[in-house]
Amino acid sequence: MDDEAMTAPGRRVVTGGTPPGRSGGRLADEVYDTLLGQLMSLRIEPGSRVTIDALARELGVSQTPIRDALNRMEAEGLVVRVPHAGYRIPPQITRHRFEDMLEVRLLLEPAAARRSAERASLEQVAGLRRMLEEMAELEGATGPWRTAPSGSATPPSTISSP
C-alpha cells in the first residue's frame, strides 16, 4: 500500500514519497516530526487518546508510517500504548519532576564524563582535539574555545593524554 493517500479538500497531508528500493522510513520520520510538533504545541493534549486510524485519516497517510512513528514515540516515552485502545498521551511533566530528573542528571553525567575521559584512547583524545580546533575555527577564535598561541584550540581546562 502506498504511503500517500487521496485527499479531500482542506485535509492536512504529510507529503513525501519513498524512493525506489528504500523503505518507508522517510515518510515515517515526517509523520514523527508532525506528531511531535502537535504534542509540543499541545494540539494533541496531554491525557488524550489517539488512534492509528484517526491519525492516518487526519494526516492523509497509510497506517504504517503512523504505527512506525508511534512506536518510536513510545520508545522515547512520549506516548503510552494502551492494549486494544490505541495510544494515550501522558500528562505533562511537572516542575517538581523536572527538577528531580535534572538533579539526577547533574549527579550522573559528570561521573560518566570522568569515567569516559579516564578510559579514552590516544586516538579518541586526538579526535577530541581535532573537534576543538574545528569549533575554534567556527567560532572565529572567540568565546570559550580560543586558539592558543601554538595554533591548537584550547578549552577552559586542557585535555591531557592518558
N, C-alpha and C. Protein backbone atom coordinates (compact mmCIF):
# COMPACT_ATOMS: atom_id res chain seq x y z
N MET A 1 0.83 -1.17 0.00
CA MET A 1 0.00 0.00 0.00
C MET A 1 0.88 1.24 0.00
N ASP A 2 0.54 2.25 -0.79
CA ASP A 2 1.32 3.46 -0.91
C ASP A 2 1.16 4.30 0.35
N ASP A 3 2.23 5.04 0.73
CA ASP A 3 2.19 5.85 1.94
C ASP A 3 1.49 7.18 1.72
N GLU A 4 1.16 7.53 0.48
CA GLU A 4 0.42 8.75 0.21
C GLU A 4 -1.01 8.37 -0.11
N ALA A 5 -1.94 9.20 0.29
CA ALA A 5 -3.35 8.88 0.11
C ALA A 5 -4.04 9.97 -0.68
N MET A 6 -5.17 9.64 -1.28
CA MET A 6 -6.01 10.63 -1.94
C MET A 6 -6.55 11.53 -0.83
N THR A 7 -6.64 12.82 -1.12
CA THR A 7 -7.06 13.73 -0.06
C THR A 7 -8.34 14.45 -0.41
N ALA A 8 -9.07 14.78 0.61
CA ALA A 8 -10.26 15.59 0.44
C ALA A 8 -9.85 17.05 0.60
N PRO A 9 -10.61 17.98 0.04
CA PRO A 9 -10.26 19.40 0.19
C PRO A 9 -10.15 19.79 1.66
N GLY A 10 -9.10 20.54 1.98
CA GLY A 10 -8.92 21.03 3.34
C GLY A 10 -8.23 20.07 4.28
N ARG A 11 -7.93 18.85 3.84
CA ARG A 11 -7.28 17.87 4.72
C ARG A 11 -5.78 18.13 4.72
N ARG A 12 -5.20 18.10 5.88
CA ARG A 12 -3.75 18.26 6.00
C ARG A 12 -3.09 16.95 5.67
N VAL A 13 -2.12 16.98 4.77
CA VAL A 13 -1.48 15.76 4.31
C VAL A 13 0.02 15.86 4.54
N VAL A 14 0.60 14.78 5.05
CA VAL A 14 2.04 14.67 5.15
C VAL A 14 2.51 14.22 3.79
N THR A 15 3.40 14.99 3.19
CA THR A 15 3.87 14.64 1.85
C THR A 15 5.21 13.95 1.95
N GLY A 16 5.57 13.33 0.88
CA GLY A 16 6.86 12.65 0.83
C GLY A 16 6.66 11.27 0.28
N GLY A 17 7.54 10.87 -0.57
CA GLY A 17 7.44 9.56 -1.17
C GLY A 17 8.61 8.71 -0.75
N THR A 18 8.55 7.48 -1.12
CA THR A 18 9.62 6.56 -0.81
C THR A 18 10.39 6.31 -2.09
N PRO A 19 11.69 6.63 -2.11
CA PRO A 19 12.47 6.36 -3.30
C PRO A 19 12.48 4.87 -3.59
N PRO A 20 12.62 4.50 -4.89
CA PRO A 20 12.65 3.08 -5.23
C PRO A 20 13.77 2.36 -4.48
N GLY A 21 13.46 1.16 -4.00
CA GLY A 21 14.47 0.36 -3.32
C GLY A 21 14.73 0.78 -1.89
N ARG A 22 13.90 1.66 -1.35
CA ARG A 22 14.11 2.14 0.01
C ARG A 22 12.83 1.96 0.82
N SER A 23 12.99 1.70 2.12
CA SER A 23 11.81 1.51 2.97
C SER A 23 11.11 2.84 3.20
N GLY A 24 9.96 2.80 3.84
CA GLY A 24 9.17 3.99 4.09
C GLY A 24 9.67 4.82 5.25
N GLY A 25 10.93 4.72 5.62
CA GLY A 25 11.47 5.43 6.77
C GLY A 25 11.34 6.92 6.67
N ARG A 26 11.50 7.49 5.49
CA ARG A 26 11.45 8.94 5.35
C ARG A 26 10.06 9.46 5.70
N LEU A 27 9.03 8.83 5.19
CA LEU A 27 7.67 9.27 5.50
C LEU A 27 7.37 9.08 6.98
N ALA A 28 7.83 7.99 7.56
CA ALA A 28 7.64 7.77 8.99
C ALA A 28 8.32 8.87 9.79
N ASP A 29 9.47 9.35 9.34
CA ASP A 29 10.16 10.45 10.00
C ASP A 29 9.34 11.74 9.90
N GLU A 30 8.74 11.97 8.73
CA GLU A 30 7.90 13.16 8.56
C GLU A 30 6.68 13.08 9.48
N VAL A 31 6.08 11.91 9.55
CA VAL A 31 4.92 11.72 10.43
C VAL A 31 5.36 11.93 11.88
N TYR A 32 6.49 11.38 12.26
CA TYR A 32 7.02 11.56 13.61
C TYR A 32 7.17 13.05 13.91
N ASP A 33 7.82 13.79 13.01
CA ASP A 33 8.03 15.22 13.21
C ASP A 33 6.71 15.97 13.34
N THR A 34 5.73 15.60 12.51
CA THR A 34 4.41 16.24 12.57
C THR A 34 3.75 15.97 13.91
N LEU A 35 3.75 14.70 14.34
CA LEU A 35 3.13 14.35 15.62
C LEU A 35 3.86 15.00 16.79
N LEU A 36 5.18 15.03 16.72
CA LEU A 36 5.95 15.68 17.79
C LEU A 36 5.60 17.16 17.87
N GLY A 37 5.47 17.81 16.73
CA GLY A 37 5.07 19.21 16.70
C GLY A 37 3.70 19.41 17.33
N GLN A 38 2.78 18.49 17.04
CA GLN A 38 1.44 18.58 17.62
C GLN A 38 1.47 18.37 19.13
N LEU A 39 2.34 17.47 19.59
CA LEU A 39 2.47 17.27 21.04
C LEU A 39 3.07 18.50 21.71
N MET A 40 4.12 19.04 21.10
CA MET A 40 4.82 20.17 21.69
C MET A 40 3.95 21.43 21.72
N SER A 41 3.11 21.60 20.71
CA SER A 41 2.23 22.77 20.65
C SER A 41 0.93 22.55 21.42
N LEU A 42 0.78 21.37 22.00
CA LEU A 42 -0.40 20.97 22.76
C LEU A 42 -1.65 20.86 21.87
N ARG A 43 -1.45 20.74 20.55
CA ARG A 43 -2.59 20.47 19.67
C ARG A 43 -3.16 19.10 20.01
N ILE A 44 -2.28 18.16 20.33
CA ILE A 44 -2.70 16.89 20.92
C ILE A 44 -2.48 17.07 22.41
N GLU A 45 -3.55 17.06 23.17
CA GLU A 45 -3.48 17.41 24.59
C GLU A 45 -2.99 16.25 25.45
N PRO A 46 -2.23 16.56 26.51
CA PRO A 46 -1.83 15.53 27.47
C PRO A 46 -3.07 14.87 28.05
N GLY A 47 -3.01 13.56 28.20
CA GLY A 47 -4.13 12.79 28.73
C GLY A 47 -5.10 12.32 27.66
N SER A 48 -4.95 12.83 26.45
CA SER A 48 -5.90 12.43 25.40
C SER A 48 -5.50 11.08 24.80
N ARG A 49 -6.47 10.49 24.11
CA ARG A 49 -6.26 9.20 23.45
C ARG A 49 -6.15 9.43 21.96
N VAL A 50 -5.21 8.77 21.31
CA VAL A 50 -5.07 8.85 19.86
C VAL A 50 -5.08 7.44 19.29
N THR A 51 -5.63 7.32 18.09
CA THR A 51 -5.63 6.01 17.43
C THR A 51 -4.90 6.11 16.10
N ILE A 52 -4.36 5.00 15.69
CA ILE A 52 -3.64 4.95 14.42
C ILE A 52 -4.56 5.32 13.27
N ASP A 53 -5.77 4.78 13.28
CA ASP A 53 -6.72 5.02 12.20
C ASP A 53 -7.07 6.51 12.09
N ALA A 54 -7.36 7.15 13.21
CA ALA A 54 -7.72 8.58 13.19
C ALA A 54 -6.55 9.43 12.72
N LEU A 55 -5.35 9.12 13.18
CA LEU A 55 -4.18 9.89 12.74
C LEU A 55 -3.90 9.68 11.26
N ALA A 56 -4.09 8.45 10.78
CA ALA A 56 -3.87 8.16 9.35
C ALA A 56 -4.84 8.99 8.50
N ARG A 57 -6.09 9.05 8.92
CA ARG A 57 -7.08 9.85 8.19
C ARG A 57 -6.73 11.33 8.24
N GLU A 58 -6.38 11.81 9.43
CA GLU A 58 -6.07 13.24 9.60
C GLU A 58 -4.86 13.66 8.77
N LEU A 59 -3.82 12.83 8.76
CA LEU A 59 -2.58 13.19 8.07
C LEU A 59 -2.57 12.75 6.61
N GLY A 60 -3.54 11.94 6.21
CA GLY A 60 -3.63 11.52 4.82
C GLY A 60 -2.56 10.54 4.40
N VAL A 61 -2.19 9.65 5.32
CA VAL A 61 -1.20 8.62 5.01
C VAL A 61 -1.73 7.27 5.46
N SER A 62 -1.04 6.22 5.05
CA SER A 62 -1.45 4.89 5.49
C SER A 62 -1.12 4.70 6.97
N GLN A 63 -1.57 3.59 7.52
CA GLN A 63 -1.34 3.33 8.93
C GLN A 63 0.12 2.97 9.24
N THR A 64 0.86 2.47 8.25
CA THR A 64 2.23 2.02 8.51
C THR A 64 3.15 3.13 9.02
N PRO A 65 3.24 4.29 8.37
CA PRO A 65 4.12 5.33 8.93
C PRO A 65 3.62 5.87 10.27
N ILE A 66 2.30 5.86 10.47
CA ILE A 66 1.74 6.29 11.76
C ILE A 66 2.20 5.31 12.84
N ARG A 67 2.06 4.02 12.55
CA ARG A 67 2.46 2.98 13.51
C ARG A 67 3.95 3.10 13.82
N ASP A 68 4.77 3.30 12.78
CA ASP A 68 6.22 3.43 13.00
C ASP A 68 6.54 4.64 13.87
N ALA A 69 5.89 5.77 13.58
CA ALA A 69 6.14 6.99 14.36
C ALA A 69 5.70 6.80 15.81
N LEU A 70 4.53 6.19 16.02
CA LEU A 70 4.04 5.98 17.39
C LEU A 70 4.92 4.99 18.15
N ASN A 71 5.42 3.97 17.48
CA ASN A 71 6.34 3.04 18.14
C ASN A 71 7.60 3.76 18.60
N ARG A 72 8.11 4.63 17.75
CA ARG A 72 9.29 5.42 18.11
C ARG A 72 8.98 6.34 19.29
N MET A 73 7.81 6.97 19.23
CA MET A 73 7.41 7.86 20.33
C MET A 73 7.21 7.10 21.63
N GLU A 74 6.70 5.89 21.53
CA GLU A 74 6.53 5.06 22.72
C GLU A 74 7.89 4.73 23.33
N ALA A 75 8.86 4.38 22.48
CA ALA A 75 10.20 4.07 22.97
C ALA A 75 10.83 5.27 23.66
N GLU A 76 10.46 6.47 23.24
CA GLU A 76 11.00 7.70 23.83
C GLU A 76 10.17 8.21 24.99
N GLY A 77 9.09 7.49 25.33
CA GLY A 77 8.25 7.88 26.46
C GLY A 77 7.29 9.02 26.16
N LEU A 78 7.07 9.32 24.88
CA LEU A 78 6.19 10.43 24.52
C LEU A 78 4.73 10.01 24.43
N VAL A 79 4.48 8.72 24.21
CA VAL A 79 3.12 8.18 24.20
C VAL A 79 3.15 6.86 24.95
N VAL A 80 1.97 6.41 25.37
CA VAL A 80 1.85 5.13 26.07
C VAL A 80 0.86 4.28 25.29
N ARG A 81 1.26 3.06 24.94
CA ARG A 81 0.36 2.15 24.22
C ARG A 81 -0.65 1.58 25.21
N VAL A 82 -1.91 1.63 24.82
CA VAL A 82 -2.99 1.07 25.63
C VAL A 82 -3.56 -0.10 24.83
N PRO A 83 -3.41 -1.35 25.32
CA PRO A 83 -3.88 -2.51 24.56
C PRO A 83 -5.35 -2.38 24.13
N HIS A 84 -5.59 -2.63 22.87
CA HIS A 84 -6.94 -2.62 22.27
C HIS A 84 -7.61 -1.26 22.30
N ALA A 85 -6.85 -0.18 22.56
CA ALA A 85 -7.46 1.14 22.62
C ALA A 85 -6.64 2.21 21.91
N GLY A 86 -5.46 1.88 21.43
CA GLY A 86 -4.64 2.88 20.77
C GLY A 86 -3.51 3.36 21.66
N TYR A 87 -3.33 4.66 21.68
CA TYR A 87 -2.25 5.27 22.45
C TYR A 87 -2.82 6.39 23.30
N ARG A 88 -2.14 6.66 24.40
CA ARG A 88 -2.53 7.75 25.29
C ARG A 88 -1.34 8.69 25.41
N ILE A 89 -1.64 9.97 25.46
CA ILE A 89 -0.60 10.97 25.65
C ILE A 89 -0.44 11.16 27.16
N PRO A 90 0.75 10.91 27.68
CA PRO A 90 0.92 11.05 29.14
C PRO A 90 0.79 12.51 29.57
N PRO A 91 0.51 12.72 30.86
CA PRO A 91 0.41 14.10 31.35
C PRO A 91 1.75 14.82 31.20
N GLN A 92 1.66 16.15 31.12
CA GLN A 92 2.89 16.93 31.05
C GLN A 92 3.69 16.75 32.32
N ILE A 93 4.99 16.88 32.17
CA ILE A 93 5.88 16.75 33.31
C ILE A 93 5.69 17.95 34.23
N THR A 94 5.70 17.69 35.52
CA THR A 94 5.56 18.78 36.49
C THR A 94 6.92 19.42 36.74
N ARG A 95 6.91 20.60 37.27
CA ARG A 95 8.16 21.29 37.58
C ARG A 95 8.98 20.48 38.60
N HIS A 96 8.30 19.91 39.60
CA HIS A 96 8.99 19.11 40.62
C HIS A 96 9.67 17.90 39.98
N ARG A 97 8.96 17.20 39.10
CA ARG A 97 9.53 16.03 38.42
C ARG A 97 10.72 16.42 37.56
N PHE A 98 10.59 17.56 36.86
CA PHE A 98 11.69 18.05 36.03
C PHE A 98 12.92 18.33 36.88
N GLU A 99 12.72 19.00 38.02
CA GLU A 99 13.84 19.31 38.90
C GLU A 99 14.48 18.05 39.45
N ASP A 100 13.67 17.03 39.76
CA ASP A 100 14.21 15.74 40.22
C ASP A 100 15.08 15.10 39.14
N MET A 101 14.57 15.10 37.91
CA MET A 101 15.34 14.49 36.81
C MET A 101 16.63 15.26 36.55
N LEU A 102 16.57 16.58 36.62
CA LEU A 102 17.76 17.40 36.42
C LEU A 102 18.80 17.11 37.50
N GLU A 103 18.34 16.96 38.74
CA GLU A 103 19.25 16.66 39.84
C GLU A 103 19.97 15.33 39.63
N VAL A 104 19.23 14.33 39.16
CA VAL A 104 19.84 13.03 38.89
C VAL A 104 20.86 13.14 37.77
N ARG A 105 20.51 13.88 36.71
CA ARG A 105 21.46 14.06 35.60
C ARG A 105 22.72 14.76 36.07
N LEU A 106 22.56 15.77 36.92
CA LEU A 106 23.73 16.51 37.42
C LEU A 106 24.63 15.62 38.28
N LEU A 107 24.06 14.60 38.88
CA LEU A 107 24.87 13.66 39.66
C LEU A 107 25.54 12.62 38.77
N LEU A 108 24.82 12.13 37.76
CA LEU A 108 25.34 11.04 36.94
C LEU A 108 26.27 11.48 35.82
N GLU A 109 25.93 12.56 35.13
CA GLU A 109 26.68 12.92 33.94
C GLU A 109 28.13 13.31 34.19
N PRO A 110 28.46 14.08 35.24
CA PRO A 110 29.88 14.35 35.47
C PRO A 110 30.68 13.07 35.76
N ALA A 111 30.09 12.16 36.50
CA ALA A 111 30.79 10.89 36.78
C ALA A 111 30.99 10.09 35.50
N ALA A 112 29.96 10.06 34.64
CA ALA A 112 30.09 9.33 33.37
C ALA A 112 31.14 9.99 32.48
N ALA A 113 31.18 11.31 32.45
CA ALA A 113 32.18 12.01 31.64
C ALA A 113 33.59 11.74 32.17
N ARG A 114 33.74 11.74 33.50
CA ARG A 114 35.05 11.46 34.09
C ARG A 114 35.52 10.05 33.72
N ARG A 115 34.62 9.07 33.86
CA ARG A 115 34.99 7.69 33.52
C ARG A 115 35.36 7.55 32.05
N SER A 116 34.61 8.23 31.20
CA SER A 116 34.91 8.18 29.77
C SER A 116 36.27 8.79 29.48
N ALA A 117 36.56 9.93 30.12
CA ALA A 117 37.85 10.58 29.91
C ALA A 117 39.00 9.72 30.41
N GLU A 118 38.80 9.04 31.53
CA GLU A 118 39.86 8.18 32.07
C GLU A 118 40.15 6.99 31.15
N ARG A 119 39.14 6.55 30.43
CA ARG A 119 39.30 5.37 29.58
C ARG A 119 39.55 5.70 28.11
N ALA A 120 39.64 6.97 27.77
CA ALA A 120 39.82 7.38 26.38
C ALA A 120 41.19 6.95 25.87
N SER A 121 41.19 6.47 24.64
CA SER A 121 42.46 6.10 24.00
C SER A 121 43.13 7.35 23.45
N LEU A 122 44.40 7.22 23.08
CA LEU A 122 45.12 8.35 22.48
C LEU A 122 44.42 8.80 21.19
N GLU A 123 43.90 7.85 20.45
CA GLU A 123 43.18 8.18 19.21
C GLU A 123 41.91 8.99 19.51
N GLN A 124 41.19 8.61 20.54
CA GLN A 124 39.98 9.35 20.91
C GLN A 124 40.32 10.75 21.38
N VAL A 125 41.39 10.90 22.17
CA VAL A 125 41.81 12.22 22.64
C VAL A 125 42.21 13.08 21.45
N ALA A 126 42.93 12.49 20.49
CA ALA A 126 43.31 13.24 19.28
C ALA A 126 42.07 13.69 18.52
N GLY A 127 41.07 12.83 18.45
CA GLY A 127 39.82 13.19 17.78
C GLY A 127 39.12 14.35 18.48
N LEU A 128 39.12 14.32 19.80
CA LEU A 128 38.53 15.43 20.56
C LEU A 128 39.28 16.74 20.30
N ARG A 129 40.59 16.65 20.23
CA ARG A 129 41.39 17.86 19.95
C ARG A 129 41.08 18.41 18.56
N ARG A 130 40.89 17.52 17.58
CA ARG A 130 40.52 17.97 16.23
C ARG A 130 39.17 18.69 16.26
N MET A 131 38.23 18.12 17.02
CA MET A 131 36.92 18.77 17.13
C MET A 131 37.03 20.14 17.78
N LEU A 132 37.89 20.27 18.80
CA LEU A 132 38.09 21.56 19.45
C LEU A 132 38.65 22.58 18.46
N GLU A 133 39.59 22.14 17.63
CA GLU A 133 40.14 23.04 16.62
C GLU A 133 39.07 23.48 15.63
N GLU A 134 38.21 22.55 15.22
CA GLU A 134 37.12 22.89 14.31
C GLU A 134 36.16 23.87 14.96
N MET A 135 35.85 23.65 16.25
CA MET A 135 34.94 24.57 16.96
C MET A 135 35.56 25.95 17.05
N ALA A 136 36.87 26.02 17.31
CA ALA A 136 37.54 27.32 17.41
C ALA A 136 37.48 28.04 16.07
N GLU A 137 37.64 27.30 14.98
CA GLU A 137 37.55 27.90 13.64
C GLU A 137 36.14 28.41 13.38
N LEU A 138 35.14 27.64 13.75
CA LEU A 138 33.76 28.05 13.54
C LEU A 138 33.39 29.26 14.39
N GLU A 139 33.93 29.33 15.58
CA GLU A 139 33.65 30.44 16.49
C GLU A 139 34.46 31.67 16.13
N GLY A 140 35.43 31.52 15.24
CA GLY A 140 36.29 32.65 14.92
C GLY A 140 37.22 32.99 16.06
N ALA A 141 37.59 31.98 16.82
CA ALA A 141 38.51 32.13 17.96
C ALA A 141 37.96 33.08 19.01
N THR A 142 36.63 33.13 19.16
CA THR A 142 36.03 33.91 20.23
C THR A 142 35.29 32.94 21.14
N GLY A 143 34.95 33.37 22.30
CA GLY A 143 34.23 32.50 23.21
C GLY A 143 35.18 31.59 23.96
N PRO A 144 34.64 30.54 24.58
CA PRO A 144 35.47 29.70 25.45
C PRO A 144 36.50 28.85 24.70
N TRP A 145 36.35 28.63 23.39
CA TRP A 145 37.27 27.78 22.65
C TRP A 145 38.24 28.65 21.86
N ARG A 146 39.15 29.30 22.59
CA ARG A 146 40.10 30.22 21.99
C ARG A 146 41.26 29.46 21.35
N THR A 147 41.89 30.08 20.39
CA THR A 147 43.05 29.48 19.76
C THR A 147 44.29 29.87 20.57
N ALA A 148 45.02 28.86 21.00
CA ALA A 148 46.24 29.09 21.77
C ALA A 148 47.33 29.57 20.83
N PRO A 149 48.39 30.21 21.35
CA PRO A 149 49.48 30.68 20.50
C PRO A 149 50.07 29.59 19.61
N SER A 150 50.03 28.34 20.05
CA SER A 150 50.57 27.25 19.26
C SER A 150 49.68 26.91 18.07
N GLY A 151 48.45 27.49 18.05
CA GLY A 151 47.54 27.24 16.94
C GLY A 151 46.51 26.17 17.23
N SER A 152 46.60 25.52 18.38
CA SER A 152 45.61 24.50 18.70
C SER A 152 44.53 25.09 19.57
N ALA A 153 43.32 24.57 19.43
CA ALA A 153 42.21 25.06 20.23
C ALA A 153 42.39 24.61 21.67
N THR A 154 42.12 25.51 22.59
CA THR A 154 42.29 25.19 23.99
C THR A 154 41.02 25.51 24.74
N PRO A 155 40.41 24.49 25.34
CA PRO A 155 39.21 24.75 26.15
C PRO A 155 39.62 25.40 27.46
N PRO A 156 38.67 25.84 28.26
CA PRO A 156 39.00 26.47 29.54
C PRO A 156 39.97 25.64 30.38
N SER A 157 39.83 24.32 30.41
CA SER A 157 40.83 23.47 31.05
C SER A 157 41.28 22.47 29.99
N THR A 158 42.57 22.26 29.86
CA THR A 158 43.08 21.45 28.76
C THR A 158 42.85 19.97 29.00
N ILE A 159 42.82 19.25 27.89
CA ILE A 159 42.68 17.78 27.91
C ILE A 159 44.08 17.21 27.88
N SER A 160 44.39 16.36 28.82
CA SER A 160 45.71 15.73 28.82
C SER A 160 45.60 14.31 28.31
N SER A 161 46.60 13.86 27.65
CA SER A 161 46.64 12.50 27.12
C SER A 161 46.85 11.52 28.26
N PRO A 162 46.25 10.32 28.17
CA PRO A 162 46.44 9.32 29.22
C PRO A 162 47.85 8.78 29.24
